[in-house]
Amino acid sequence: MTRVFFAGGGTAGHVEPALAVARQWRMQNPDSKISFIGTREGLETRLVPEAGFDLHFISKVRIARRLSPSLLLAPFSLLRSVAQSITLMRSADLVVGFGGYVCAPAYIAAALTRTPIVIHEANARPGLANRLGSLFTPHTAVAHPIDSGKLSQALLAGLPLREDVVASFHDASQDWQSSRISAKRALGFDPAKALVFIFGGSQGSVALNQVIADSRAELLAQGIQILHGIGARNAAPSAADGYQAHGYISDMATAYLAADLVISRSGAVTCAEVNTLGRYALFIPLPIGNGEQELNARDLVLQSRAQILAQSQFTPSWLVSNIKGLLSQSASAPIAGSDIDINAASKMVSLMEHALHGGK
């Protein structure tokens, strides 16, 4: 029996593509044993068991972005996580990594135990863990072309999508307009009125939530409906006609289809889902990190499917003043979605089989 470990945790941006590939692998290799490696702090603690996969925990490696005393503890934390990963690797035939906290120790452990590694990088600018992992394997894939480094020669596979997004693409392709109207009704909104879908990623965003809180009354007064993903840890706003707030939105495909405008961070998964289901977006890139979120949205901006705005400029007055223009631009954008990422999970499975059989 082949045993495959998937590593990728923390946010939905790492977990969801890993789950998409794991499901595809299970469908094509039903006799395999599939397990995930994660930490006790990420969304994997809920998403992975819900998907029916085993989850093994390792310690989270915390590396501060700035000089601080905690940096002195990072090597010891990494060694502990590597040791925990080596214990798991002893029964592994293949490790598949998607970036995030758990991947660096998993990659090092796999290299030390001579376990084949496959890597998928979702962002237009690769993260540290996947750059490290690419030193240990030729079996790499990316969602966007990478300009330099080892990952510049990776397979351009696209981004593996959630099952509901793929299914919705195929269903909506029969009649995009009718599907969008049906999606609004399914969510309890008036199909004759504009709907703005705003969310701050899988964890929510206090900054984006505050802008909506301060502009909600004026937006609703303009006849604009709002679907608001506030994040599971954030307090729910008061109820209002035409406004819905949810801690976590599991049926993202219906939310995208229903939306006349998406306002969100520009994580790699969000950009791919917006593109697949043919939506228009205002992206507010996360103001920390290595700038990958702005790069993720670049292709959609070139396609006239998105705008990018700095978080410092995203204010209640800006939103109220520009919402009509954004909705007008959305209405003039192509209504159909894109199939560019539809087969990404299958491409990853082929790469895994290639790695598993020694690259032959």
Protein backbone atom coordinates (compact mmCIF):
# COMPACT_ATOMS: atom_id res chain seq x y z
CA MET A 1 0.00 0.00 0.00
CA THR A 2 1.33 3.43 -0.99
CA ARG A 3 1.35 5.99 1.83
CA VAL A 4 1.28 9.67 0.88
CA PHE A 5 1.73 12.56 3.30
CA PHE A 6 0.40 16.02 2.40
CA ALA A 7 2.00 18.99 4.14
CA GLY A 8 0.43 22.41 4.05
CA GLY A 9 -1.32 24.19 6.85
CA GLY A 10 -2.24 27.42 8.56
CA THR A 11 -4.61 29.08 6.14
CA ALA A 12 -7.14 27.85 3.59
CA GLY A 13 -4.71 29.05 0.93
CA HIS A 14 -2.43 26.14 1.82
CA VAL A 15 -4.99 23.59 2.95
CA GLU A 16 -7.61 23.79 0.19
CA PRO A 17 -5.24 23.09 -2.75
CA ALA A 18 -3.74 20.19 -0.77
CA LEU A 19 -7.20 18.77 -0.16
CA ALA A 20 -8.10 19.13 -3.84
CA VAL A 21 -5.04 17.09 -4.86
CA ALA A 22 -5.58 14.55 -2.07
CA ARG A 23 -9.14 13.94 -3.27
CA GLN A 24 -7.97 13.50 -6.84
CA TRP A 25 -5.22 11.10 -5.72
CA ARG A 26 -7.71 9.11 -3.66
CA MET A 27 -10.07 8.86 -6.63
CA GLN A 28 -7.32 7.55 -8.90
CA ASN A 29 -5.53 5.48 -6.23
CA PRO A 30 -8.23 4.21 -3.84
CA ASP A 31 -5.89 1.73 -2.15
CA SER A 32 -3.44 4.41 -1.01
CA LYS A 33 -3.15 5.61 2.57
CA ILE A 34 -3.41 9.41 2.69
CA SER A 35 -2.39 11.49 5.73
CA PHE A 36 -1.84 15.18 6.39
CA ILE A 37 0.81 16.91 8.47
CA GLY A 38 -0.25 20.09 10.27
CA THR A 39 -0.09 22.08 13.46
CA ARG A 40 -2.74 22.46 16.14
CA GLU A 41 -3.26 26.13 15.32
CA GLY A 42 -4.25 26.19 11.66
CA LEU A 43 -7.46 25.64 9.73
CA GLU A 44 -6.29 22.13 8.90
CA THR A 45 -7.52 21.06 12.35
CA ARG A 46 -11.06 21.44 11.03
CA LEU A 47 -10.83 21.17 7.24
CA VAL A 48 -8.76 17.98 7.03
CA PRO A 49 -10.89 15.79 9.35
CA GLU A 50 -14.04 17.13 7.69
CA ALA A 51 -12.64 15.91 4.36
CA GLY A 52 -12.11 12.43 5.82
CA PHE A 53 -8.31 12.38 6.00
CA ASP A 54 -5.99 11.56 8.91
CA LEU A 55 -4.12 14.49 10.41
CA HIS A 56 -0.81 14.26 12.30
CA PHE A 57 0.50 17.21 14.29
CA ILE A 58 4.00 18.62 14.55
CA SER A 59 5.17 21.66 16.51
CA LYS A 60 4.80 25.00 14.77
CA VAL A 61 8.10 26.66 13.84
CA ARG A 62 7.84 30.34 14.62
CA ILE A 63 10.31 32.58 12.80
CA ALA A 64 9.92 36.29 13.49
CA ARG A 65 9.97 38.63 10.49
CA ARG A 66 12.09 41.10 12.46
CA LEU A 67 15.06 40.79 14.76
CA SER A 68 13.86 39.69 18.17
CA PRO A 69 14.92 37.35 21.00
CA SER A 70 12.51 34.72 19.63
CA LEU A 71 14.86 34.23 16.68
CA LEU A 72 17.32 32.56 19.06
CA LEU A 73 14.75 29.84 19.77
CA ALA A 74 13.89 29.20 16.11
CA PRO A 75 16.66 26.61 15.44
CA PHE A 76 15.57 24.54 18.45
CA SER A 77 11.94 24.75 17.38
CA LEU A 78 12.88 23.66 13.87
CA LEU A 79 14.93 20.70 15.14
CA ARG A 80 12.01 19.53 17.27
CA SER A 81 9.61 19.72 14.31
CA VAL A 82 12.08 17.95 12.02
CA ALA A 83 12.45 15.13 14.56
CA GLN A 84 8.67 14.79 14.77
CA SER A 85 8.45 14.75 10.96
CA ILE A 86 11.15 12.09 10.65
CA THR A 87 9.03 9.79 12.81
CA LEU A 88 6.21 10.19 10.28
CA MET A 89 8.48 9.89 7.25
CA ARG A 90 9.57 6.38 8.23
CA SER A 91 6.26 5.09 6.87
CA ALA A 92 5.93 7.50 3.93
CA ASP A 93 6.39 6.71 0.24
CA LEU A 94 5.83 10.29 -0.91
CA VAL A 95 5.55 13.78 0.61
CA VAL A 96 3.58 16.51 -1.15
CA GLY A 97 4.04 20.06 0.14
CA PHE A 98 2.03 23.23 -0.48
CA GLY A 99 3.93 25.74 1.62
CA GLY A 100 3.30 27.16 5.07
CA TYR A 101 4.63 26.49 8.55
CA VAL A 102 4.66 22.70 8.42
CA CYS A 103 6.47 22.33 5.12
CA ALA A 104 10.05 23.30 5.99
CA PRO A 105 10.50 20.59 8.66
CA ALA A 106 8.59 18.10 6.50
CA TYR A 107 10.88 18.77 3.52
CA ILE A 108 14.04 18.46 5.64
CA ALA A 109 12.77 15.22 7.20
CA ALA A 110 11.88 13.82 3.78
CA ALA A 111 15.32 14.68 2.43
CA LEU A 112 17.02 13.02 5.43
CA THR A 113 14.93 9.86 5.02
CA ARG A 114 15.26 9.86 1.21
CA THR A 115 11.51 10.14 0.77
CA PRO A 116 10.47 11.58 -2.64
CA ILE A 117 9.12 15.13 -2.48
CA VAL A 118 6.60 16.93 -4.69
CA ILE A 119 6.04 20.67 -4.23
CA HIS A 120 3.26 22.98 -5.35
CA GLU A 121 3.71 26.74 -5.08
CA ALA A 122 0.46 28.70 -5.34
CA ASN A 123 1.79 32.26 -5.13
CA ALA A 124 3.34 34.33 -7.88
CA ARG A 125 6.26 34.98 -5.50
CA PRO A 126 7.35 31.72 -3.80
CA GLY A 127 7.45 31.42 -0.05
CA LEU A 128 10.53 30.50 2.00
CA ALA A 129 9.47 26.91 2.75
CA ASN A 130 8.91 25.99 -0.88
CA ARG A 131 12.12 27.69 -1.97
CA LEU A 132 13.92 25.54 0.59
CA GLY A 133 12.10 22.39 -0.48
CA SER A 134 12.91 22.94 -4.14
CA LEU A 135 16.58 22.31 -3.28
CA PHE A 136 15.68 18.71 -2.43
CA THR A 137 13.57 17.69 -5.43
CA PRO A 138 13.11 18.17 -9.17
CA HIS A 139 9.38 17.45 -8.87
CA THR A 140 7.90 20.92 -8.54
CA ALA A 141 4.81 22.68 -9.86
CA VAL A 142 3.56 26.28 -9.77
CA ALA A 143 0.30 28.11 -10.30
CA HIS A 144 2.01 31.13 -11.89
CA PRO A 145 5.20 31.43 -13.95
CA ILE A 146 8.18 32.16 -11.68
CA ASP A 147 10.93 34.41 -13.03
CA SER A 148 13.98 33.09 -11.18
CA GLY A 149 15.29 30.35 -8.92
CA LYS A 150 14.70 26.60 -9.10
CA LEU A 151 10.94 27.03 -9.25
CA SER A 152 11.27 28.98 -12.50
CA GLN A 153 11.65 25.58 -14.19
CA ALA A 154 8.66 23.98 -12.44
CA LEU A 155 5.62 22.52 -14.16
CA LEU A 156 2.98 25.21 -14.77
CA ALA A 157 0.08 23.21 -13.35
CA GLY A 158 -2.33 25.93 -12.27
CA LEU A 159 -3.99 26.03 -8.86
CA PRO A 160 -5.90 22.94 -7.63
CA LEU A 161 -9.47 24.04 -6.93
CA ARG A 162 -12.09 23.09 -4.36
CA GLU A 163 -14.67 20.53 -5.47
CA ASP A 164 -17.55 22.99 -5.23
CA VAL A 165 -15.78 25.52 -7.44
CA VAL A 166 -15.04 22.94 -10.14
CA ALA A 167 -18.61 21.60 -10.03
CA SER A 168 -20.05 25.12 -10.17
CA PHE A 169 -17.88 26.00 -13.15
CA HIS A 170 -19.17 23.01 -15.11
CA ASP A 171 -22.79 23.66 -14.11
CA ALA A 172 -22.67 27.42 -14.73
CA SER A 173 -20.96 27.00 -18.11
CA GLN A 174 -24.32 25.88 -19.47
CA ASP A 175 -25.84 29.30 -18.71
CA TRP A 176 -23.81 31.79 -16.70
CA GLN A 177 -26.56 34.38 -16.39
CA SER A 178 -29.18 31.96 -15.06
CA SER A 179 -26.63 30.42 -12.67
CA ARG A 180 -25.84 33.81 -11.17
CA ILE A 181 -29.52 34.61 -10.62
CA SER A 182 -30.09 31.19 -9.04
CA ALA A 183 -27.09 31.67 -6.75
CA LYS A 184 -28.46 34.98 -5.43
CA ARG A 185 -31.79 33.38 -4.70
CA ALA A 186 -30.13 30.39 -3.01
CA LEU A 187 -28.36 32.76 -0.61
CA GLY A 188 -31.55 34.66 0.17
CA PHE A 189 -30.77 37.83 -1.76
CA ASP A 190 -32.88 39.78 -4.27
CA PRO A 191 -31.61 38.88 -7.78
CA ALA A 192 -32.70 42.29 -9.07
CA LYS A 193 -30.28 44.14 -6.78
CA ALA A 194 -26.49 44.32 -6.83
CA LEU A 195 -24.65 42.06 -4.37
CA VAL A 196 -21.18 42.74 -2.98
CA PHE A 197 -19.33 39.78 -1.47
CA ILE A 198 -16.57 40.88 0.90
CA PHE A 199 -14.26 38.70 2.96
CA GLY A 200 -10.75 38.94 4.37
CA GLY A 201 -9.44 35.46 3.69
CA SER A 202 -10.05 32.32 5.72
CA GLN A 203 -9.27 34.11 9.01
CA GLY A 204 -11.18 37.29 8.21
CA SER A 205 -9.73 40.80 8.32
CA VAL A 206 -10.32 43.31 11.09
CA ALA A 207 -9.29 46.17 8.78
CA LEU A 208 -11.71 45.21 5.98
CA ASN A 209 -14.47 44.45 8.47
CA GLN A 210 -14.18 47.91 9.99
CA VAL A 211 -14.52 49.61 6.61
CA ILE A 212 -17.73 47.68 5.96
CA ALA A 213 -19.06 48.44 9.44
CA ASP A 214 -18.53 52.15 8.85
CA SER A 215 -19.96 52.22 5.31
CA ARG A 216 -22.70 49.59 5.56
CA ALA A 217 -25.61 51.97 6.18
CA GLU A 218 -24.77 54.13 3.16
CA LEU A 219 -24.23 51.11 0.89
CA LEU A 220 -27.55 49.59 1.91
CA ALA A 221 -29.23 52.97 1.38
CA GLN A 222 -27.99 52.86 -2.22
CA GLY A 223 -29.83 49.55 -2.69
CA ILE A 224 -26.64 47.44 -2.56
CA GLN A 225 -26.79 44.06 -0.83
CA ILE A 226 -23.81 42.73 1.14
CA LEU A 227 -22.59 39.20 1.86
CA HIS A 228 -19.84 39.54 4.47
CA GLY A 229 -17.39 36.83 5.52
CA ILE A 230 -16.17 38.28 8.81
CA GLY A 231 -13.90 35.43 9.97
CA ALA A 232 -14.72 32.87 12.64
CA ARG A 233 -12.96 34.73 15.47
CA ASN A 234 -14.53 38.13 14.82
CA ALA A 235 -17.73 39.40 16.45
CA ALA A 236 -20.83 39.32 14.25
CA PRO A 237 -22.25 42.76 13.34
CA SER A 238 -25.88 43.62 13.99
CA ALA A 239 -28.43 42.29 11.51
CA ALA A 240 -29.85 44.46 8.73
CA ASP A 241 -32.06 43.95 5.68
CA GLY A 242 -29.92 43.16 2.65
CA TYR A 243 -26.90 42.32 4.79
CA GLN A 244 -25.61 38.88 5.85
CA ALA A 245 -22.55 38.23 8.01
CA HIS A 246 -20.99 34.77 8.39
CA GLY A 247 -17.99 33.67 10.43
CA TYR A 248 -16.94 31.18 7.76
CA ILE A 249 -18.48 30.62 4.34
CA SER A 250 -18.16 26.99 3.31
CA ASP A 251 -20.11 27.31 0.04
CA MET A 252 -17.74 29.76 -1.58
CA ALA A 253 -18.75 28.75 -5.11
CA THR A 254 -22.34 29.94 -4.66
CA ALA A 255 -21.10 33.15 -3.04
CA TYR A 256 -18.82 33.90 -5.99
CA LEU A 257 -21.52 33.11 -8.56
CA ALA A 258 -24.01 35.37 -6.78
CA ALA A 259 -21.66 38.32 -6.37
CA ASP A 260 -21.68 41.29 -8.71
CA LEU A 261 -18.48 42.45 -7.03
CA VAL A 262 -15.93 40.66 -4.82
CA ILE A 263 -13.88 42.67 -2.33
CA SER A 264 -11.13 40.63 -0.70
CA ARG A 265 -7.48 39.94 -0.10
CA SER A 266 -5.67 38.60 -3.15
CA GLY A 267 -4.48 35.24 -1.90
CA ALA A 268 -3.62 32.75 -4.61
CA VAL A 269 -6.72 30.62 -4.01
CA THR A 270 -9.05 33.62 -4.05
CA CYS A 271 -7.59 34.88 -7.33
CA ALA A 272 -7.95 31.46 -8.93
CA GLU A 273 -11.56 31.08 -7.76
CA VAL A 274 -12.50 34.58 -8.92
CA ASN A 275 -11.01 33.77 -12.33
CA THR A 276 -12.65 30.34 -12.60
CA LEU A 277 -16.13 31.65 -11.80
CA GLY A 278 -15.75 34.83 -13.82
CA ARG A 279 -16.15 37.51 -11.19
CA TYR A 280 -14.88 41.08 -10.96
CA ALA A 281 -12.86 41.91 -7.85
CA LEU A 282 -11.43 44.78 -5.88
CA PHE A 283 -8.35 43.31 -4.25
CA ILE A 284 -6.87 44.76 -1.06
CA PRO A 285 -3.51 42.92 -0.76
CA LEU A 286 -2.34 41.98 2.71
CA PRO A 287 0.09 44.78 3.66
CA ILE A 288 2.58 42.32 5.22
CA GLY A 289 4.54 39.47 3.67
CA ASN A 290 6.79 39.54 0.63
CA GLY A 291 4.38 41.24 -1.77
CA GLU A 292 3.03 38.02 -3.26
CA GLN A 293 -0.62 39.05 -2.95
CA GLU A 294 -0.26 41.99 -5.32
CA LEU A 295 1.54 39.75 -7.83
CA ASN A 296 -1.18 37.10 -7.54
CA ALA A 297 -3.76 39.57 -8.84
CA ARG A 298 -1.66 40.82 -11.75
CA ASP A 299 -3.17 38.57 -14.41
CA LEU A 300 -6.73 39.43 -13.41
CA VAL A 301 -5.95 43.14 -13.60
CA LEU A 302 -4.55 42.63 -17.11
CA GLN A 303 -7.77 40.82 -18.05
CA SER A 304 -9.83 43.81 -16.78
CA ARG A 305 -11.35 41.52 -14.15
CA ALA A 306 -9.88 43.26 -11.12
CA GLN A 307 -8.48 46.38 -9.50
CA ILE A 308 -5.86 46.55 -6.76
CA LEU A 309 -6.08 49.07 -3.94
CA ALA A 310 -3.71 49.53 -0.99
CA GLN A 311 -5.25 48.90 2.42
CA SER A 312 -4.34 52.45 3.49
CA GLN A 313 -6.56 53.81 0.69
CA PHE A 314 -9.49 51.50 1.39
CA THR A 315 -11.65 53.71 3.58
CA PRO A 316 -15.42 54.00 4.09
CA SER A 317 -15.57 57.26 2.14
CA TRP A 318 -13.55 55.77 -0.73
CA LEU A 319 -15.81 52.73 -0.91
CA VAL A 320 -19.06 54.71 -0.83
CA SER A 321 -17.74 57.09 -3.49
CA ASN A 322 -16.47 54.35 -5.80
CA ILE A 323 -18.94 51.49 -5.37
CA LYS A 324 -21.14 52.45 -8.31
CA GLY A 325 -18.11 52.70 -10.60
CA LEU A 326 -16.86 49.31 -9.45
CA LEU A 327 -20.26 47.73 -10.11
CA SER A 328 -20.38 49.37 -13.53
CA GLN A 329 -16.97 47.96 -14.43
CA SER A 330 -18.06 44.55 -13.18
CA ALA A 331 -21.15 44.68 -15.38
CA SER A 332 -19.01 45.38 -18.44
CA ALA A 333 -16.56 42.52 -17.73
CA PRO A 334 -17.03 39.13 -19.46
CA ILE A 335 -19.63 37.05 -17.64
CA ALA A 336 -18.09 33.62 -18.34
CA GLY A 337 -15.45 32.00 -16.17
CA SER A 338 -12.12 30.39 -17.07
CA ASP A 339 -11.06 26.74 -17.21
CA ILE A 340 -7.33 27.47 -16.83
CA ASP A 341 -7.15 25.87 -13.35
CA ILE A 342 -9.80 23.17 -13.78
CA ASN A 343 -7.31 20.35 -14.42
CA ALA A 344 -4.62 21.47 -11.96
CA ALA A 345 -5.32 18.68 -9.46
CA SER A 346 -5.01 16.02 -12.19
CA LYS A 347 -1.70 17.52 -13.31
CA MET A 348 -0.43 17.33 -9.74
CA VAL A 349 -1.44 13.68 -9.48
CA SER A 350 0.52 12.92 -12.66
CA LEU A 351 3.56 14.67 -11.17
CA MET A 352 3.18 12.66 -7.96
CA GLU A 353 3.07 9.38 -9.88
CA HIS A 354 6.18 10.46 -11.77
CA ALA A 355 8.03 11.18 -8.50
CA LEU A 356 6.77 7.99 -6.87
CA HIS A 357 8.22 5.86 -9.67
CA GLY A 358 11.64 7.48 -9.56
CA GLY A 359 10.96 10.04 -12.29
CA LYS A 360 10.45 7.35 -14.92
